[in-house]
N, C-alpha and C. Protein backbone atom coordinates (compact mmCIF):
# COMPACT_ATOMS: atom_id res chain seq x y z
N UNK A 1 -69.01 -16.79 -76.32
CA UNK A 1 -68.58 -17.37 -74.91
C UNK A 1 -69.88 -17.81 -74.58
N UNK A 2 -70.44 -16.56 -74.15
CA UNK A 2 -71.30 -17.56 -73.15
C UNK A 2 -72.10 -19.11 -73.95
N UNK A 3 -72.12 -19.22 -74.92
CA UNK A 3 -72.70 -21.04 -76.02
C UNK A 3 -71.74 -21.82 -75.29
N UNK A 4 -70.19 -21.33 -75.34
CA UNK A 4 -69.05 -22.98 -75.14
C UNK A 4 -69.27 -23.19 -73.94
N UNK A 5 -69.89 -21.78 -73.07
CA UNK A 5 -69.63 -22.50 -71.93
C UNK A 5 -71.27 -23.43 -71.09
N UNK A 6 -72.65 -23.00 -72.39
CA UNK A 6 -73.20 -24.25 -71.98
C UNK A 6 -73.30 -25.34 -72.53
N UNK A 7 -72.51 -25.29 -73.47
CA UNK A 7 -71.87 -27.20 -74.83
C UNK A 7 -71.28 -27.31 -73.42
N UNK A 8 -70.00 -26.53 -72.48
CA UNK A 8 -69.34 -27.54 -71.69
C UNK A 8 -69.85 -27.89 -70.78
N UNK A 9 -71.63 -27.15 -69.78
CA UNK A 9 -71.79 -27.15 -69.48
C UNK A 9 -72.51 -28.81 -69.67
N UNK A 10 -73.36 -28.42 -70.55
CA UNK A 10 -74.20 -29.44 -70.84
C UNK A 10 -72.61 -30.71 -71.01
N UNK A 11 -72.16 -30.39 -71.74
CA UNK A 11 -71.51 -31.98 -72.43
C UNK A 11 -70.81 -32.83 -71.83
N UNK A 12 -70.33 -31.88 -70.56
CA UNK A 12 -69.72 -32.27 -69.05
C UNK A 12 -69.10 -31.77 -68.19
N UNK A 13 -69.85 -31.16 -67.46
CA UNK A 13 -70.48 -30.82 -66.28
C UNK A 13 -69.48 -30.57 -65.03
N UNK A 14 -68.57 -31.80 -65.17
CA UNK A 14 -67.42 -32.34 -64.35
C UNK A 14 -65.68 -31.93 -64.50
N UNK A 15 -65.63 -31.97 -65.77
CA UNK A 15 -64.74 -31.50 -66.34
C UNK A 15 -64.57 -30.28 -66.60
N UNK A 16 -65.94 -29.38 -67.07
CA UNK A 16 -65.80 -28.38 -67.24
C UNK A 16 -65.77 -27.13 -65.97
N UNK A 17 -66.48 -27.45 -64.75
CA UNK A 17 -65.30 -27.06 -63.62
C UNK A 17 -64.15 -26.97 -63.24
N UNK A 18 -63.74 -28.20 -63.66
CA UNK A 18 -61.91 -28.50 -63.05
C UNK A 18 -60.94 -27.55 -64.45
N UNK A 19 -61.37 -27.84 -65.25
CA UNK A 19 -61.15 -26.92 -66.66
C UNK A 19 -60.72 -25.20 -66.10
N UNK A 20 -61.94 -24.37 -65.98
CA UNK A 20 -62.49 -23.10 -65.50
C UNK A 20 -61.59 -22.92 -64.46
N UNK A 21 -62.02 -23.53 -62.88
CA UNK A 21 -60.45 -23.65 -62.08
C UNK A 21 -59.26 -23.93 -62.15
N UNK A 22 -58.62 -24.97 -63.61
CA UNK A 22 -57.53 -24.87 -63.46
C UNK A 22 -56.63 -24.04 -64.89
N UNK A 23 -57.84 -23.02 -64.88
CA UNK A 23 -57.60 -21.91 -66.16
C UNK A 23 -57.58 -20.38 -65.45
N UNK A 24 -58.84 -20.40 -67.00
CA UNK A 24 -59.42 -18.80 -66.81
C UNK A 24 -59.97 -18.02 -65.25
N UNK A 25 -60.73 -18.43 -63.94
CA UNK A 25 -60.95 -18.22 -63.02
C UNK A 25 -60.09 -17.79 -62.02
N UNK A 26 -58.90 -18.80 -61.67
CA UNK A 26 -58.37 -18.07 -61.04
C UNK A 26 -56.50 -17.29 -61.83
N UNK A 27 -56.98 -17.32 -62.88
CA UNK A 27 -55.42 -16.54 -63.51
C UNK A 27 -54.60 -18.54 -63.48
N UNK A 28 -54.81 -19.40 -63.20
CA UNK A 28 -53.83 -20.36 -63.77
C UNK A 28 -52.95 -20.75 -64.62
N UNK A 29 -53.63 -20.44 -65.65
CA UNK A 29 -53.34 -20.72 -67.19
C UNK A 29 -52.56 -19.49 -67.84
N UNK A 30 -52.22 -18.43 -66.71
CA UNK A 30 -51.35 -17.46 -67.03
C UNK A 30 -49.80 -17.90 -66.69
N UNK A 31 -49.06 -17.50 -67.98
CA UNK A 31 -47.60 -17.94 -67.95
C UNK A 31 -46.92 -17.17 -66.38
N UNK A 32 -46.16 -17.79 -65.37
CA UNK A 32 -45.71 -17.99 -64.11
C UNK A 32 -46.88 -17.83 -63.26
N UNK A 33 -48.07 -18.33 -63.38
CA UNK A 33 -49.21 -19.22 -62.41
C UNK A 33 -48.37 -19.90 -61.98
N UNK A 34 -48.66 -20.21 -60.39
CA UNK A 34 -48.59 -21.93 -59.48
C UNK A 34 -49.84 -22.61 -59.42
N UNK A 35 -50.74 -23.49 -60.18
CA UNK A 35 -52.05 -23.48 -59.71
C UNK A 35 -51.71 -24.35 -59.10
N UNK A 36 -53.05 -24.64 -57.52
CA UNK A 36 -53.09 -24.76 -56.19
C UNK A 36 -54.04 -26.09 -56.65
N UNK A 37 -53.58 -26.63 -56.76
CA UNK A 37 -54.47 -28.62 -56.77
C UNK A 37 -55.92 -28.37 -55.43
N UNK A 38 -55.52 -27.68 -54.44
CA UNK A 38 -56.61 -28.09 -53.32
C UNK A 38 -57.04 -26.64 -53.85
N UNK A 39 -57.03 -26.05 -54.28
CA UNK A 39 -58.07 -24.17 -54.49
C UNK A 39 -59.07 -25.03 -56.26
N UNK A 40 -58.60 -25.58 -56.55
CA UNK A 40 -59.08 -26.18 -58.29
C UNK A 40 -60.66 -27.11 -57.87
N UNK A 41 -59.60 -28.44 -57.25
CA UNK A 41 -60.30 -28.98 -56.24
C UNK A 41 -61.31 -28.70 -55.38
N UNK A 42 -60.93 -27.14 -54.65
CA UNK A 42 -62.31 -26.66 -53.82
C UNK A 42 -63.54 -26.01 -54.10
N UNK A 43 -63.23 -25.61 -56.05
CA UNK A 43 -63.63 -24.83 -57.03
C UNK A 43 -64.66 -26.08 -57.90
N UNK A 44 -64.71 -26.76 -57.97
CA UNK A 44 -65.27 -28.27 -58.61
C UNK A 44 -66.06 -29.20 -57.70
N UNK A 45 -65.53 -29.54 -56.59
CA UNK A 45 -66.83 -29.00 -55.38
C UNK A 45 -67.94 -28.13 -54.89
N UNK A 46 -67.97 -27.69 -55.71
CA UNK A 46 -69.19 -26.14 -55.09
C UNK A 46 -69.45 -26.35 -56.48
N UNK A 47 -68.58 -26.35 -57.74
CA UNK A 47 -69.98 -25.97 -58.70
C UNK A 47 -70.90 -27.50 -58.81
N UNK A 48 -69.79 -29.12 -58.53
CA UNK A 48 -70.32 -30.08 -58.66
C UNK A 48 -71.31 -29.93 -57.66
N UNK A 49 -71.78 -29.38 -56.64
CA UNK A 49 -73.08 -29.38 -55.66
C UNK A 49 -73.64 -28.58 -57.08
N UNK A 50 -73.95 -27.78 -56.93
CA UNK A 50 -74.84 -27.41 -57.43
C UNK A 50 -75.95 -27.72 -58.56
N UNK A 51 -77.19 -27.74 -59.22
CA UNK A 51 -77.75 -27.97 -59.60
C UNK A 51 -77.24 -27.62 -61.45
N UNK A 52 -77.41 -29.37 -62.07
CA UNK A 52 -77.10 -29.28 -63.53
C UNK A 52 -78.39 -28.21 -64.35
N UNK A 53 -79.57 -27.96 -64.43
CA UNK A 53 -80.37 -27.28 -65.13
C UNK A 53 -79.91 -25.84 -64.51
N UNK A 54 -79.90 -25.54 -63.31
CA UNK A 54 -80.08 -24.21 -62.96
C UNK A 54 -78.56 -23.67 -63.29
N UNK A 55 -77.23 -24.22 -63.05
CA UNK A 55 -76.24 -23.80 -63.48
C UNK A 55 -76.71 -23.43 -65.27
N UNK A 56 -76.81 -24.13 -66.01
CA UNK A 56 -77.42 -23.93 -67.94
C UNK A 56 -78.02 -23.17 -67.76
N UNK A 57 -78.52 -22.85 -66.99
CA UNK A 57 -79.52 -21.61 -66.74
C UNK A 57 -79.50 -20.29 -67.03
N UNK A 58 -78.29 -20.19 -66.06
CA UNK A 58 -77.84 -19.38 -65.14
C UNK A 58 -76.70 -17.96 -66.10
N UNK A 59 -76.26 -19.16 -67.05
CA UNK A 59 -75.25 -18.72 -68.14
C UNK A 59 -76.29 -17.60 -68.79
N UNK A 60 -77.26 -18.07 -69.40
CA UNK A 60 -78.56 -17.44 -69.99
C UNK A 60 -78.74 -16.08 -69.31
N UNK A 61 -78.85 -16.23 -68.05
CA UNK A 61 -79.55 -15.03 -66.81
C UNK A 61 -78.36 -13.63 -66.89
N UNK A 62 -76.58 -14.64 -66.88
CA UNK A 62 -75.80 -13.36 -66.50
C UNK A 62 -75.42 -12.89 -67.84
N UNK A 63 -75.83 -13.56 -68.77
CA UNK A 63 -75.47 -12.56 -70.82
C UNK A 63 -75.95 -12.15 -70.84
N UNK A 64 -78.08 -12.50 -70.91
CA UNK A 64 -78.56 -11.67 -71.58
C UNK A 64 -79.42 -10.41 -70.63
N UNK A 65 -79.19 -10.61 -69.16
CA UNK A 65 -80.20 -9.67 -68.12
C UNK A 65 -79.34 -8.08 -68.09
N UNK A 66 -79.96 -7.34 -68.25
CA UNK A 66 -79.58 -5.32 -67.79
C UNK A 66 -79.69 -5.44 -66.40
N UNK A 67 -78.84 -4.93 -65.33
CA UNK A 67 -78.61 -4.93 -64.11
C UNK A 67 -78.45 -3.29 -64.02
N UNK A 68 -78.38 -2.61 -64.67
CA UNK A 68 -78.47 -1.21 -64.09
C UNK A 68 -79.40 -0.16 -64.56
N UNK A 69 -80.67 -0.85 -63.83
CA UNK A 69 -81.85 0.10 -63.60
C UNK A 69 -80.88 0.02 -62.38
N UNK A 70 -81.03 -1.56 -61.48
CA UNK A 70 -80.84 -1.97 -60.28
C UNK A 70 -79.94 -1.48 -59.46
N UNK A 71 -78.54 -1.53 -60.51
CA UNK A 71 -77.64 -0.69 -60.41
C UNK A 71 -78.23 0.94 -59.44
N UNK A 72 -78.42 1.40 -60.17
CA UNK A 72 -78.85 3.13 -60.40
C UNK A 72 -79.70 3.45 -59.06
N UNK A 73 -80.54 2.47 -58.62
CA UNK A 73 -81.05 2.08 -57.44
C UNK A 73 -80.68 2.34 -56.11
N UNK A 74 -79.40 1.65 -56.29
CA UNK A 74 -78.93 1.09 -55.09
C UNK A 74 -78.10 2.64 -54.57
N UNK A 75 -78.09 2.97 -53.05
CA UNK A 75 -78.18 4.22 -52.54
C UNK A 75 -76.91 4.07 -51.66
N UNK A 76 -76.70 3.03 -51.49
CA UNK A 76 -75.77 3.02 -50.05
C UNK A 76 -73.95 2.82 -50.34
N UNK A 77 -73.26 3.01 -49.74
CA UNK A 77 -72.15 3.34 -50.27
C UNK A 77 -71.64 1.46 -50.91
N UNK A 78 -70.76 1.42 -52.26
CA UNK A 78 -70.83 0.07 -52.38
C UNK A 78 -69.65 0.14 -52.93
N UNK A 79 -69.11 -1.02 -52.62
CA UNK A 79 -67.12 -0.36 -52.98
C UNK A 79 -67.24 -1.82 -54.33
N UNK A 80 -66.86 -1.41 -55.57
CA UNK A 80 -66.75 -2.72 -56.43
C UNK A 80 -65.24 -3.09 -57.11
N UNK A 81 -65.01 -3.73 -56.62
CA UNK A 81 -63.43 -4.64 -56.49
C UNK A 81 -63.50 -5.38 -58.35
N UNK A 82 -62.29 -4.88 -58.77
CA UNK A 82 -61.96 -5.72 -59.92
C UNK A 82 -60.63 -6.03 -60.56
N UNK A 83 -60.11 -7.30 -61.21
CA UNK A 83 -59.02 -7.03 -61.26
C UNK A 83 -59.02 -7.12 -62.43
N UNK A 84 -57.89 -6.51 -63.14
CA UNK A 84 -57.62 -6.36 -64.54
C UNK A 84 -57.32 -7.59 -65.02
N UNK A 85 -57.33 -8.32 -65.04
CA UNK A 85 -57.34 -9.51 -65.65
C UNK A 85 -57.98 -10.37 -65.42
N UNK A 86 -59.12 -9.91 -65.23
CA UNK A 86 -60.15 -11.44 -65.16
C UNK A 86 -60.33 -11.85 -66.33
N UNK A 87 -60.48 -12.49 -67.09
CA UNK A 87 -60.95 -13.55 -67.95
C UNK A 87 -62.56 -14.28 -67.85
N UNK A 88 -63.07 -13.75 -66.89
CA UNK A 88 -64.40 -14.26 -66.87
C UNK A 88 -65.01 -13.18 -67.07
N UNK A 89 -65.22 -11.94 -66.76
CA UNK A 89 -65.70 -10.80 -66.71
C UNK A 89 -64.36 -9.50 -67.21
N UNK A 90 -64.93 -9.60 -68.35
CA UNK A 90 -63.43 -8.71 -68.38
C UNK A 90 -63.36 -7.59 -68.30
N UNK A 91 -62.55 -6.73 -67.47
CA UNK A 91 -62.63 -5.69 -66.64
C UNK A 91 -63.43 -4.40 -67.48
N UNK A 92 -63.01 -4.43 -68.58
CA UNK A 92 -63.57 -3.13 -69.39
C UNK A 92 -64.91 -3.00 -69.74
N UNK A 93 -65.41 -4.43 -69.70
CA UNK A 93 -66.51 -4.33 -69.72
C UNK A 93 -68.00 -4.08 -68.83
N UNK A 94 -67.18 -4.01 -67.24
CA UNK A 94 -67.82 -4.60 -66.40
C UNK A 94 -67.48 -3.36 -65.56
N UNK A 95 -66.54 -3.25 -64.49
CA UNK A 95 -66.17 -2.74 -63.68
C UNK A 95 -66.93 -0.96 -63.49
N UNK A 96 -65.53 -0.53 -64.75
CA UNK A 96 -66.00 1.07 -65.16
C UNK A 96 -67.43 1.26 -64.97
N UNK A 97 -68.35 0.30 -66.49
CA UNK A 97 -69.76 1.07 -66.29
C UNK A 97 -70.72 0.82 -64.62
N UNK A 98 -70.44 -0.62 -64.20
CA UNK A 98 -71.40 -0.82 -62.35
C UNK A 98 -70.99 0.26 -61.71
N UNK A 99 -69.86 0.94 -61.76
CA UNK A 99 -69.47 2.09 -60.26
C UNK A 99 -70.24 3.52 -61.50
N UNK A 100 -69.96 3.19 -62.16
CA UNK A 100 -70.95 4.53 -63.10
C UNK A 100 -72.35 5.26 -62.51
N UNK A 101 -72.76 3.32 -62.16
CA UNK A 101 -74.36 3.69 -63.09
C UNK A 101 -74.70 3.80 -60.74
N UNK A 102 -73.96 3.97 -59.88
CA UNK A 102 -73.98 3.05 -58.61
C UNK A 102 -73.94 5.26 -57.99
N UNK A 103 -75.27 5.22 -57.42
CA UNK A 103 -74.85 6.44 -56.94
C UNK A 103 -73.64 7.23 -55.52
N UNK A 104 -73.22 5.74 -55.09
CA UNK A 104 -72.29 6.07 -54.12
C UNK A 104 -71.04 4.84 -54.91
N UNK A 105 -70.35 4.57 -55.55
CA UNK A 105 -69.78 3.71 -55.61
C UNK A 105 -67.87 4.70 -55.71
N UNK A 106 -67.86 3.03 -55.04
CA UNK A 106 -65.93 3.65 -56.01
C UNK A 106 -65.31 2.15 -55.97
N UNK A 107 -64.87 2.43 -57.30
CA UNK A 107 -64.03 1.65 -57.66
C UNK A 107 -62.69 1.42 -57.27
N UNK A 108 -62.40 -0.12 -57.33
CA UNK A 108 -60.72 -0.72 -56.91
C UNK A 108 -60.60 -1.07 -57.56
N UNK A 109 -59.24 -1.44 -58.37
CA UNK A 109 -58.89 -1.49 -59.58
C UNK A 109 -57.54 -2.70 -59.59
N UNK A 110 -57.16 -3.98 -58.91
CA UNK A 110 -56.38 -4.78 -58.45
C UNK A 110 -55.67 -5.56 -60.42
N UNK A 111 -54.46 -4.30 -59.88
CA UNK A 111 -53.65 -5.49 -61.35
C UNK A 111 -53.27 -6.59 -61.36
N UNK A 112 -53.61 -6.84 -62.70
CA UNK A 112 -52.91 -8.26 -63.02
C UNK A 112 -53.33 -9.75 -62.19
N UNK A 113 -54.69 -8.99 -61.32
CA UNK A 113 -55.51 -10.60 -60.47
C UNK A 113 -56.78 -11.06 -61.33
N UNK A 114 -56.76 -11.87 -61.05
CA UNK A 114 -58.14 -12.98 -61.75
C UNK A 114 -59.80 -12.52 -61.91
N UNK A 115 -60.37 -13.49 -61.37
CA UNK A 115 -61.36 -13.37 -61.16
C UNK A 115 -61.52 -14.20 -59.83
N UNK A 116 -60.64 -15.51 -59.55
CA UNK A 116 -60.65 -15.40 -58.15
C UNK A 116 -60.36 -14.95 -57.20
N UNK A 117 -59.75 -14.04 -57.42
CA UNK A 117 -58.85 -13.12 -56.54
C UNK A 117 -59.07 -13.30 -55.26
N UNK A 118 -60.55 -13.31 -54.74
CA UNK A 118 -60.71 -13.36 -53.49
C UNK A 118 -60.36 -15.07 -52.03
N UNK A 119 -60.32 -15.72 -53.28
CA UNK A 119 -58.77 -16.91 -52.87
C UNK A 119 -57.77 -16.42 -53.08
N UNK A 120 -57.51 -15.92 -54.74
CA UNK A 120 -55.62 -16.10 -55.00
C UNK A 120 -55.08 -15.26 -54.42
N UNK A 121 -55.76 -14.05 -54.06
CA UNK A 121 -55.17 -12.28 -52.95
C UNK A 121 -55.94 -12.55 -51.61
N UNK A 122 -56.15 -13.53 -51.02
CA UNK A 122 -57.64 -12.71 -49.76
C UNK A 122 -56.73 -11.93 -48.76
N UNK A 123 -55.36 -11.39 -48.51
CA UNK A 123 -55.05 -11.04 -47.78
C UNK A 123 -55.18 -9.15 -48.34
N UNK A 124 -54.28 -9.14 -49.18
CA UNK A 124 -55.65 -7.85 -49.73
C UNK A 124 -57.12 -8.08 -50.07
N UNK A 125 -57.18 -8.53 -50.70
CA UNK A 125 -58.82 -8.00 -50.74
C UNK A 125 -59.02 -8.18 -49.53
N UNK A 126 -59.13 -8.61 -48.33
CA UNK A 126 -60.08 -8.76 -47.64
C UNK A 126 -59.22 -7.76 -46.15
N UNK A 127 -58.14 -7.27 -46.45
CA UNK A 127 -57.63 -5.67 -45.93
C UNK A 127 -58.77 -4.35 -46.52
N UNK A 128 -58.63 -4.63 -47.82
CA UNK A 128 -59.33 -4.05 -48.81
C UNK A 128 -60.86 -3.31 -48.64
N UNK A 129 -62.06 -4.79 -48.00
CA UNK A 129 -62.86 -4.76 -47.36
C UNK A 129 -63.15 -4.62 -46.19
N UNK A 130 -62.04 -4.51 -45.48
CA UNK A 130 -61.91 -4.30 -44.31
C UNK A 130 -61.99 -2.65 -43.84
N UNK A 131 -61.39 -2.63 -44.78
CA UNK A 131 -61.13 -0.80 -44.78
C UNK A 131 -61.52 0.18 -44.89
N UNK A 132 -63.15 -0.75 -46.26
CA UNK A 132 -63.61 -0.13 -46.98
C UNK A 132 -64.87 -0.15 -45.82
N UNK A 133 -65.05 -1.26 -45.20
CA UNK A 133 -66.01 -1.49 -44.19
C UNK A 133 -66.21 0.15 -42.91
N UNK A 134 -64.87 -0.18 -42.32
CA UNK A 134 -64.35 0.75 -41.36
C UNK A 134 -64.82 2.47 -41.76
N UNK A 135 -64.47 2.83 -42.93
CA UNK A 135 -64.62 3.94 -43.27
C UNK A 135 -65.93 3.83 -43.49
């Protein structure tokens, strides 16, 4: 998967950012989803404003680095929010493990939500963030 990401970035960065936003990032590739052209274009804009070399190298950083020791050092309360239909960072491989490493972590799982859930489901995410902060 990571090799494919780097190949897409190297071959046609503009197309890569368009395809990821129009598909798996926001779950717009799911049956019954209603893609938002404005959201897709905004994500593309953000991607294209970054540096090509840094973006390419970033794939290696998040694919190969192990941040377990860093998470274990965090002692403040942390809310880990994750959609169980995340096609970018699969839920089973990340959220439960991350929260288990935190000294004071809380896991909030969202049924059917994608990686881009802060955009697609902002009202839900913002309400939960506010409730966590107020607690």
